Amino acid sequence: MVLEEFIGIAAGLLTTIAVLPQIFKAIKTKEVNDVSPFMFIILCGGVGLWTVYGILKMDWPIILTNGISFILNAIMLYIVLVSSKNKVKA
């Protein structure tokens, strides 16, 4: 494997898994008051576009890492929105 491919894959993996601690904390504590849904909307838009770019370029590392990142960030956005909705009802 070429050094630049290794760096690209490592960067993709790190940015993909970066949201996992926030997801785990939100699920465990059920607290998302300080989490901005707008940030996750923008982030989902960005990684969604990166995924489309990867598809257009047929670049599998970009497709996979950003596709997974989109899913994980969408999960976090869902948690934030559901939590906010539940607080409004209470």
PDB file of N, CA and C in Angstrom:
ATOM      1  N   MET A   1       0.852  -1.177   0.000  1.00  0.00           N
ATOM      2  CA  MET A   1       0.000   0.000   0.000  1.00  0.00           C
ATOM      3  C   MET A   1       0.897   1.240   0.000  1.00  0.00           C
ATOM      4  N   VAL A   2       0.546   2.172  -0.813  1.00  0.00           N
ATOM      5  CA  VAL A   2       1.291   3.416  -0.932  1.00  0.00           C
ATOM      6  C   VAL A   2       0.990   4.298   0.282  1.00  0.00           C
ATOM      7  N   LEU A   3       1.984   5.071   0.703  1.00  0.00           N
ATOM      8  CA  LEU A   3       1.845   5.921   1.896  1.00  0.00           C
ATOM      9  C   LEU A   3       0.627   6.834   1.805  1.00  0.00           C
ATOM     10  N   GLU A   4       0.402   7.451   0.652  1.00  0.00           N
ATOM     11  CA  GLU A   4      -0.729   8.386   0.544  1.00  0.00           C
ATOM     12  C   GLU A   4      -2.070   7.658   0.656  1.00  0.00           C
ATOM     13  N   GLU A   5      -2.154   6.421   0.193  1.00  0.00           N
ATOM     14  CA  GLU A   5      -3.385   5.637   0.370  1.00  0.00           C
ATOM     15  C   GLU A   5      -3.602   5.325   1.846  1.00  0.00           C
ATOM     16  N   PHE A   6      -2.539   4.956   2.537  1.00  0.00           N
ATOM     17  CA  PHE A   6      -2.632   4.665   3.968  1.00  0.00           C
ATOM     18  C   PHE A   6      -3.096   5.895   4.737  1.00  0.00           C
ATOM     19  N   ILE A   7      -2.520   7.044   4.420  1.00  0.00           N
ATOM     20  CA  ILE A   7      -2.904   8.291   5.088  1.00  0.00           C
ATOM     21  C   ILE A   7      -4.366   8.622   4.804  1.00  0.00           C
ATOM     22  N   GLY A   8      -4.801   8.453   3.568  1.00  0.00           N
ATOM     23  CA  GLY A   8      -6.189   8.728   3.201  1.00  0.00           C
ATOM     24  C   GLY A   8      -7.166   7.816   3.920  1.00  0.00           C
ATOM     25  N   ILE A   9      -6.841   6.523   3.991  1.00  0.00           N
ATOM     26  CA  ILE A   9      -7.709   5.578   4.676  1.00  0.00           C
ATOM     27  C   ILE A   9      -7.731   5.865   6.178  1.00  0.00           C
ATOM     28  N   ALA A  10      -6.568   6.147   6.763  1.00  0.00           N
ATOM     29  CA  ALA A  10      -6.501   6.464   8.198  1.00  0.00           C
ATOM     30  C   ALA A  10      -7.315   7.722   8.506  1.00  0.00           C
ATOM     31  N   ALA A  11      -7.186   8.743   7.669  1.00  0.00           N
ATOM     32  CA  ALA A  11      -7.944   9.987   7.873  1.00  0.00           C
ATOM     33  C   ALA A  11      -9.440   9.719   7.775  1.00  0.00           C
ATOM     34  N   GLY A  12      -9.847   8.943   6.788  1.00  0.00           N
ATOM     35  CA  GLY A  12     -11.255   8.610   6.617  1.00  0.00           C
ATOM     36  C   GLY A  12     -11.810   7.841   7.801  1.00  0.00           C
ATOM     37  N   LEU A  13     -11.041   6.882   8.300  1.00  0.00           N
ATOM     38  CA  LEU A  13     -11.485   6.099   9.452  1.00  0.00           C
ATOM     39  C   LEU A  13     -11.630   6.962  10.697  1.00  0.00           C
ATOM     40  N   LEU A  14     -10.645   7.818  10.941  1.00  0.00           N
ATOM     41  CA  LEU A  14     -10.704   8.680  12.125  1.00  0.00           C
ATOM     42  C   LEU A  14     -11.893   9.636  12.083  1.00  0.00           C
ATOM     43  N   THR A  15     -12.123  10.257  10.927  1.00  0.00           N
ATOM     44  CA  THR A  15     -13.248  11.192  10.845  1.00  0.00           C
ATOM     45  C   THR A  15     -14.586  10.456  10.876  1.00  0.00           C
ATOM     46  N   THR A  16     -14.594   9.202  10.405  1.00  0.00           N
ATOM     47  CA  THR A  16     -15.820   8.415  10.436  1.00  0.00           C
ATOM     48  C   THR A  16     -16.206   8.030  11.858  1.00  0.00           C
ATOM     49  N   ILE A  17     -15.234   7.616  12.653  1.00  0.00           N
ATOM     50  CA  ILE A  17     -15.544   7.149  14.006  1.00  0.00           C
ATOM     51  C   ILE A  17     -15.569   8.276  15.038  1.00  0.00           C
ATOM     52  N   ALA A  18     -15.255   9.489  14.627  1.00  0.00           N
ATOM     53  CA  ALA A  18     -15.175  10.612  15.570  1.00  0.00           C
ATOM     54  C   ALA A  18     -16.485  10.867  16.303  1.00  0.00           C
ATOM     55  N   VAL A  19     -17.606  10.590  15.699  1.00  0.00           N
ATOM     56  CA  VAL A  19     -18.904  10.873  16.319  1.00  0.00           C
ATOM     57  C   VAL A  19     -19.328   9.775  17.301  1.00  0.00           C
ATOM     58  N   LEU A  20     -18.685   8.622  17.266  1.00  0.00           N
ATOM     59  CA  LEU A  20     -19.096   7.515  18.132  1.00  0.00           C
ATOM     60  C   LEU A  20     -19.108   7.856  19.624  1.00  0.00           C
ATOM     61  N   PRO A  21     -18.091   8.517  20.170  1.00  0.00           N
ATOM     62  CA  PRO A  21     -18.160   8.862  21.599  1.00  0.00           C
ATOM     63  C   PRO A  21     -19.379   9.731  21.938  1.00  0.00           C
ATOM     64  N   GLN A  22     -19.750  10.638  21.045  1.00  0.00           N
ATOM     65  CA  GLN A  22     -20.915  11.501  21.286  1.00  0.00           C
ATOM     66  C   GLN A  22     -22.197  10.681  21.254  1.00  0.00           C
ATOM     67  N   ILE A  23     -22.288   9.750  20.306  1.00  0.00           N
ATOM     68  CA  ILE A  23     -23.471   8.893  20.230  1.00  0.00           C
ATOM     69  C   ILE A  23     -23.602   8.060  21.499  1.00  0.00           C
ATOM     70  N   PHE A  24     -22.503   7.420  21.909  1.00  0.00           N
ATOM     71  CA  PHE A  24     -22.536   6.580  23.113  1.00  0.00           C
ATOM     72  C   PHE A  24     -22.909   7.396  24.354  1.00  0.00           C
ATOM     73  N   LYS A  25     -22.346   8.601  24.465  1.00  0.00           N
ATOM     74  CA  LYS A  25     -22.652   9.457  25.615  1.00  0.00           C
ATOM     75  C   LYS A  25     -24.116   9.881  25.602  1.00  0.00           C
ATOM     76  N   ALA A  26     -24.630  10.227  24.438  1.00  0.00           N
ATOM     77  CA  ALA A  26     -26.030  10.655  24.336  1.00  0.00           C
ATOM     78  C   ALA A  26     -26.978   9.520  24.698  1.00  0.00           C
ATOM     79  N   ILE A  27     -26.649   8.317  24.264  1.00  0.00           N
ATOM     80  CA  ILE A  27     -27.495   7.168  24.580  1.00  0.00           C
ATOM     81  C   ILE A  27     -27.426   6.861  26.075  1.00  0.00           C
ATOM     82  N   LYS A  28     -26.220   6.906  26.634  1.00  0.00           N
ATOM     83  CA  LYS A  28     -26.029   6.568  28.049  1.00  0.00           C
ATOM     84  C   LYS A  28     -26.673   7.595  28.986  1.00  0.00           C
ATOM     85  N   THR A  29     -26.421   8.876  28.728  1.00  0.00           N
ATOM     86  CA  THR A  29     -26.884   9.926  29.635  1.00  0.00           C
ATOM     87  C   THR A  29     -28.260  10.476  29.277  1.00  0.00           C
ATOM     88  N   LYS A  30     -28.691  10.247  28.047  1.00  0.00           N
ATOM     89  CA  LYS A  30     -29.944  10.812  27.539  1.00  0.00           C
ATOM     90  C   LYS A  30     -29.943  12.345  27.607  1.00  0.00           C
ATOM     91  N   GLU A  31     -28.761  12.924  27.563  1.00  0.00           N
ATOM     92  CA  GLU A  31     -28.597  14.377  27.602  1.00  0.00           C
ATOM     93  C   GLU A  31     -27.972  14.859  26.293  1.00  0.00           C
ATOM     94  N   VAL A  32     -28.686  15.721  25.589  1.00  0.00           N
ATOM     95  CA  VAL A  32     -28.156  16.297  24.349  1.00  0.00           C
ATOM     96  C   VAL A  32     -28.440  17.795  24.269  1.00  0.00           C
ATOM     97  N   ASN A  33     -28.667  18.406  25.427  1.00  0.00           N
ATOM     98  CA  ASN A  33     -29.004  19.830  25.459  1.00  0.00           C
ATOM     99  C   ASN A  33     -27.958  20.702  24.778  1.00  0.00           C
ATOM    100  N   ASP A  34     -26.692  20.354  24.925  1.00  0.00           N
ATOM    101  CA  ASP A  34     -25.626  21.186  24.386  1.00  0.00           C
ATOM    102  C   ASP A  34     -25.188  20.767  22.987  1.00  0.00           C
ATOM    103  N   VAL A  35     -25.908  19.839  22.376  1.00  0.00           N
ATOM    104  CA  VAL A  35     -25.562  19.373  21.034  1.00  0.00           C
ATOM    105  C   VAL A  35     -26.411  20.138  20.025  1.00  0.00           C
ATOM    106  N   SER A  36     -25.751  20.742  19.055  1.00  0.00           N
ATOM    107  CA  SER A  36     -26.454  21.530  18.047  1.00  0.00           C
ATOM    108  C   SER A  36     -26.964  20.643  16.912  1.00  0.00           C
ATOM    109  N   PRO A  37     -28.282  20.604  16.708  1.00  0.00           N
ATOM    110  CA  PRO A  37     -28.790  19.828  15.577  1.00  0.00           C
ATOM    111  C   PRO A  37     -28.362  20.433  14.242  1.00  0.00           C
ATOM    112  N   PHE A  38     -28.207  21.749  14.201  1.00  0.00           N
ATOM    113  CA  PHE A  38     -27.798  22.404  12.956  1.00  0.00           C
ATOM    114  C   PHE A  38     -26.399  21.976  12.528  1.00  0.00           C
ATOM    115  N   MET A  39     -25.522  21.757  13.492  1.00  0.00           N
ATOM    116  CA  MET A  39     -24.183  21.287  13.167  1.00  0.00           C
ATOM    117  C   MET A  39     -24.262  19.920  12.503  1.00  0.00           C
ATOM    118  N   PHE A  40     -25.110  19.040  13.034  1.00  0.00           N
ATOM    119  CA  PHE A  40     -25.226  17.701  12.456  1.00  0.00           C
ATOM    120  C   PHE A  40     -25.951  17.723  11.116  1.00  0.00           C
ATOM    121  N   ILE A  41     -26.869  18.663  10.918  1.00  0.00           N
ATOM    122  CA  ILE A  41     -27.513  18.816   9.602  1.00  0.00           C
ATOM    123  C   ILE A  41     -26.467  19.215   8.566  1.00  0.00           C
ATOM    124  N   ILE A  42     -25.646  20.197   8.917  1.00  0.00           N
ATOM    125  CA  ILE A  42     -24.597  20.656   8.003  1.00  0.00           C
ATOM    126  C   ILE A  42     -23.579  19.545   7.758  1.00  0.00           C
ATOM    127  N   LEU A  43     -23.190  18.843   8.808  1.00  0.00           N
ATOM    128  CA  LEU A  43     -22.229  17.753   8.685  1.00  0.00           C
ATOM    129  C   LEU A  43     -22.767  16.637   7.796  1.00  0.00           C
ATOM    130  N   CYS A  44     -24.038  16.282   7.976  1.00  0.00           N
ATOM    131  CA  CYS A  44     -24.646  15.258   7.119  1.00  0.00           C
ATOM    132  C   CYS A  44     -24.651  15.713   5.655  1.00  0.00           C
ATOM    133  N   GLY A  45     -24.947  16.990   5.443  1.00  0.00           N
ATOM    134  CA  GLY A  45     -24.889  17.519   4.077  1.00  0.00           C
ATOM    135  C   GLY A  45     -23.497  17.410   3.480  1.00  0.00           C
ATOM    136  N   GLY A  46     -22.489  17.746   4.281  1.00  0.00           N
ATOM    137  CA  GLY A  46     -21.106  17.684   3.806  1.00  0.00           C
ATOM    138  C   GLY A  46     -20.654  16.270   3.494  1.00  0.00           C
ATOM    139  N   VAL A  47     -20.868  15.350   4.423  1.00  0.00           N
ATOM    140  CA  VAL A  47     -20.411  13.970   4.163  1.00  0.00           C
ATOM    141  C   VAL A  47     -21.289  13.298   3.107  1.00  0.00           C
ATOM    142  N   GLY A  48     -22.543  13.737   2.994  1.00  0.00           N
ATOM    143  CA  GLY A  48     -23.388  13.236   1.907  1.00  0.00           C
ATOM    144  C   GLY A  48     -22.834  13.643   0.550  1.00  0.00           C
ATOM    145  N   LEU A  49     -22.429  14.905   0.448  1.00  0.00           N
ATOM    146  CA  LEU A  49     -21.828  15.376  -0.805  1.00  0.00           C
ATOM    147  C   LEU A  49     -20.484  14.708  -1.081  1.00  0.00           C
ATOM    148  N   TRP A  50     -19.689  14.465  -0.023  1.00  0.00           N
ATOM    149  CA  TRP A  50     -18.438  13.730  -0.205  1.00  0.00           C
ATOM    150  C   TRP A  50     -18.710  12.324  -0.733  1.00  0.00           C
ATOM    151  N   THR A  51     -19.782  11.704  -0.251  1.00  0.00           N
ATOM    152  CA  THR A  51     -20.142  10.368  -0.729  1.00  0.00           C
ATOM    153  C   THR A  51     -20.493  10.410  -2.213  1.00  0.00           C
ATOM    154  N   VAL A  52     -21.282  11.396  -2.614  1.00  0.00           N
ATOM    155  CA  VAL A  52     -21.624  11.552  -4.030  1.00  0.00           C
ATOM    156  C   VAL A  52     -20.361  11.799  -4.848  1.00  0.00           C
ATOM    157  N   TYR A  53     -19.477  12.650  -4.356  1.00  0.00           N
ATOM    158  CA  TYR A  53     -18.204  12.908  -5.032  1.00  0.00           C
ATOM    159  C   TYR A  53     -17.417  11.606  -5.204  1.00  0.00           C
ATOM    160  N   GLY A  54     -17.351  10.804  -4.141  1.00  0.00           N
ATOM    161  CA  GLY A  54     -16.653   9.528  -4.223  1.00  0.00           C
ATOM    162  C   GLY A  54     -17.270   8.608  -5.263  1.00  0.00           C
ATOM    163  N   ILE A  55     -18.602   8.609  -5.342  1.00  0.00           N
ATOM    164  CA  ILE A  55     -19.285   7.787  -6.345  1.00  0.00           C
ATOM    165  C   ILE A  55     -18.932   8.274  -7.746  1.00  0.00           C
ATOM    166  N   LEU A  56     -18.962   9.583  -7.944  1.00  0.00           N
ATOM    167  CA  LEU A  56     -18.611  10.135  -9.260  1.00  0.00           C
ATOM    168  C   LEU A  56     -17.173   9.808  -9.655  1.00  0.00           C
ATOM    169  N   LYS A  57     -16.282   9.789  -8.684  1.00  0.00           N
ATOM    170  CA  LYS A  57     -14.861   9.493  -8.951  1.00  0.00           C
ATOM    171  C   LYS A  57     -14.562   7.994  -8.848  1.00  0.00           C
ATOM    172  N   MET A  58     -15.558   7.208  -8.411  1.00  0.00           N
ATOM    173  CA  MET A  58     -15.377   5.775  -8.161  1.00  0.00           C
ATOM    174  C   MET A  58     -14.209   5.528  -7.208  1.00  0.00           C
ATOM    175  N   ASP A  59     -14.192   6.308  -6.139  1.00  0.00           N
ATOM    176  CA  ASP A  59     -13.144   6.219  -5.119  1.00  0.00           C
ATOM    177  C   ASP A  59     -13.744   5.559  -3.886  1.00  0.00           C
ATOM    178  N   TRP A  60     -13.498   4.247  -3.730  1.00  0.00           N
ATOM    179  CA  TRP A  60     -14.146   3.474  -2.679  1.00  0.00           C
ATOM    180  C   TRP A  60     -13.816   3.933  -1.261  1.00  0.00           C
ATOM    181  N   PRO A  61     -12.577   4.321  -0.950  1.00  0.00           N
ATOM    182  CA  PRO A  61     -12.338   4.825   0.409  1.00  0.00           C
ATOM    183  C   PRO A  61     -13.198   6.050   0.744  1.00  0.00           C
ATOM    184  N   ILE A  62     -13.375   6.940  -0.209  1.00  0.00           N
ATOM    185  CA  ILE A  62     -14.208   8.123   0.012  1.00  0.00           C
ATOM    186  C   ILE A  62     -15.672   7.712   0.149  1.00  0.00           C
ATOM    187  N   ILE A  63     -16.116   6.806  -0.708  1.00  0.00           N
ATOM    188  CA  ILE A  63     -17.504   6.350  -0.667  1.00  0.00           C
ATOM    189  C   ILE A  63     -17.809   5.691   0.672  1.00  0.00           C
ATOM    190  N   LEU A  64     -16.976   4.750   1.074  1.00  0.00           N
ATOM    191  CA  LEU A  64     -17.247   3.987   2.295  1.00  0.00           C
ATOM    192  C   LEU A  64     -17.148   4.831   3.555  1.00  0.00           C
ATOM    193  N   THR A  65     -16.052   5.574   3.702  1.00  0.00           N
ATOM    194  CA  THR A  65     -15.884   6.332   4.946  1.00  0.00           C
ATOM    195  C   THR A  65     -16.933   7.424   5.083  1.00  0.00           C
ATOM    196  N   ASN A  66     -17.235   8.116   4.000  1.00  0.00           N
ATOM    197  CA  ASN A  66     -18.224   9.189   4.099  1.00  0.00           C
ATOM    198  C   ASN A  66     -19.646   8.648   4.143  1.00  0.00           C
ATOM    199  N   GLY A  67     -19.902   7.522   3.501  1.00  0.00           N
ATOM    200  CA  GLY A  67     -21.214   6.892   3.590  1.00  0.00           C
ATOM    201  C   GLY A  67     -21.506   6.450   5.015  1.00  0.00           C
ATOM    202  N   ILE A  68     -20.525   5.809   5.646  1.00  0.00           N
ATOM    203  CA  ILE A  68     -20.680   5.384   7.041  1.00  0.00           C
ATOM    204  C   ILE A  68     -20.780   6.602   7.953  1.00  0.00           C
ATOM    205  N   SER A  69     -19.966   7.603   7.682  1.00  0.00           N
ATOM    206  CA  SER A  69     -20.014   8.830   8.478  1.00  0.00           C
ATOM    207  C   SER A  69     -21.388   9.489   8.370  1.00  0.00           C
ATOM    208  N   PHE A  70     -21.966   9.492   7.181  1.00  0.00           N
ATOM    209  CA  PHE A  70     -23.308  10.046   7.001  1.00  0.00           C
ATOM    210  C   PHE A  70     -24.303   9.309   7.894  1.00  0.00           C
ATOM    211  N   ILE A  71     -24.243   7.981   7.881  1.00  0.00           N
ATOM    212  CA  ILE A  71     -25.163   7.174   8.686  1.00  0.00           C
ATOM    213  C   ILE A  71     -24.998   7.471  10.179  1.00  0.00           C
ATOM    214  N   LEU A  72     -23.746   7.497  10.652  1.00  0.00           N
ATOM    215  CA  LEU A  72     -23.495   7.749  12.072  1.00  0.00           C
ATOM    216  C   LEU A  72     -23.946   9.148  12.486  1.00  0.00           C
ATOM    217  N   ASN A  73     -23.663  10.147  11.657  1.00  0.00           N
ATOM    218  CA  ASN A  73     -24.086  11.508  11.980  1.00  0.00           C
ATOM    219  C   ASN A  73     -25.600  11.655  11.902  1.00  0.00           C
ATOM    220  N   ALA A  74     -26.235  10.935  10.995  1.00  0.00           N
ATOM    221  CA  ALA A  74     -27.698  10.948  10.922  1.00  0.00           C
ATOM    222  C   ALA A  74     -28.299  10.305  12.174  1.00  0.00           C
ATOM    223  N   ILE A  75     -27.661   9.259  12.691  1.00  0.00           N
ATOM    224  CA  ILE A  75     -28.115   8.643  13.945  1.00  0.00           C
ATOM    225  C   ILE A  75     -28.044   9.658  15.076  1.00  0.00           C
ATOM    226  N   MET A  76     -26.936  10.378  15.161  1.00  0.00           N
ATOM    227  CA  MET A  76     -26.793  11.386  16.218  1.00  0.00           C
ATOM    228  C   MET A  76     -27.829  12.486  16.051  1.00  0.00           C
ATOM    229  N   LEU A  77     -28.066  12.920  14.841  1.00  0.00           N
ATOM    230  CA  LEU A  77     -29.078  13.940  14.581  1.00  0.00           C
ATOM    231  C   LEU A  77     -30.456  13.432  15.006  1.00  0.00           C
ATOM    232  N   TYR A  78     -30.753  12.201  14.707  1.00  0.00           N
ATOM    233  CA  TYR A  78     -32.021  11.596  15.121  1.00  0.00           C
ATOM    234  C   TYR A  78     -32.151  11.598  16.649  1.00  0.00           C
ATOM    235  N   ILE A  79     -31.091  11.208  17.333  1.00  0.00           N
ATOM    236  CA  ILE A  79     -31.110  11.202  18.804  1.00  0.00           C
ATOM    237  C   ILE A  79     -31.391  12.608  19.338  1.00  0.00           C
ATOM    238  N   VAL A  80     -30.728  13.606  18.772  1.00  0.00           N
ATOM    239  CA  VAL A  80     -30.918  14.990  19.219  1.00  0.00           C
ATOM    240  C   VAL A  80     -32.359  15.437  18.977  1.00  0.00           C
ATOM    241  N   LEU A  81     -32.882  15.149  17.788  1.00  0.00           N
ATOM    242  CA  LEU A  81     -34.236  15.598  17.461  1.00  0.00           C
ATOM    243  C   LEU A  81     -35.292  14.879  18.296  1.00  0.00           C
ATOM    244  N   VAL A  82     -35.139  13.582  18.502  1.00  0.00           N
ATOM    245  CA  VAL A  82     -36.097  12.831  19.321  1.00  0.00           C
ATOM    246  C   VAL A  82     -36.031  13.301  20.767  1.00  0.00           C
ATOM    247  N   SER A  83     -34.831  13.537  21.265  1.00  0.00           N
ATOM    248  CA  SER A  83     -34.681  14.009  22.636  1.00  0.00           C
ATOM    249  C   SER A  83     -35.326  15.379  22.811  1.00  0.00           C
ATOM    250  N   SER A  84     -35.132  16.255  21.851  1.00  0.00           N
ATOM    251  CA  SER A  84     -35.726  17.590  21.922  1.00  0.00           C
ATOM    252  C   SER A  84     -37.245  17.511  21.872  1.00  0.00           C
ATOM    253  N   LYS A  85     -37.764  16.641  21.021  1.00  0.00           N
ATOM    254  CA  LYS A  85     -39.213  16.455  20.901  1.00  0.00           C
ATOM    255  C   LYS A  85     -39.803  15.920  22.200  1.00  0.00           C
ATOM    256  N   ASN A  86     -39.117  14.972  22.826  1.00  0.00           N
ATOM    257  CA  ASN A  86     -39.597  14.392  24.091  1.00  0.00           C
ATOM    258  C   ASN A  86     -39.588  15.422  25.206  1.00  0.00           C
ATOM    259  N   LYS A  87     -38.618  16.343  25.205  1.00  0.00           N
ATOM    260  CA  LYS A  87     -38.553  17.368  26.250  1.00  0.00           C
ATOM    261  C   LYS A  87     -39.675  18.375  26.100  1.00  0.00           C
ATOM    262  N   VAL A  88     -40.084  18.628  24.855  1.00  0.00           N
ATOM    263  CA  VAL A  88     -41.181  19.561  24.614  1.00  0.00           C
ATOM    264  C   VAL A  88     -42.482  18.967  25.151  1.00  0.00           C
ATOM    265  N   LYS A  89     -42.670  17.653  25.011  1.00  0.00           N
ATOM    266  CA  LYS A  89     -43.882  16.990  25.514  1.00  0.00           C
ATOM    267  C   LYS A  89     -43.940  16.955  27.025  1.00  0.00           C
ATOM    268  N   ALA A  90     -42.776  16.866  27.668  1.00  0.00           N
ATOM    269  CA  ALA A  90     -42.743  16.708  29.133  1.00  0.00           C
ATOM    270  C   ALA A  90     -43.078  17.963  29.869  1.00  0.00           C
TER     271      ALA A  90
END
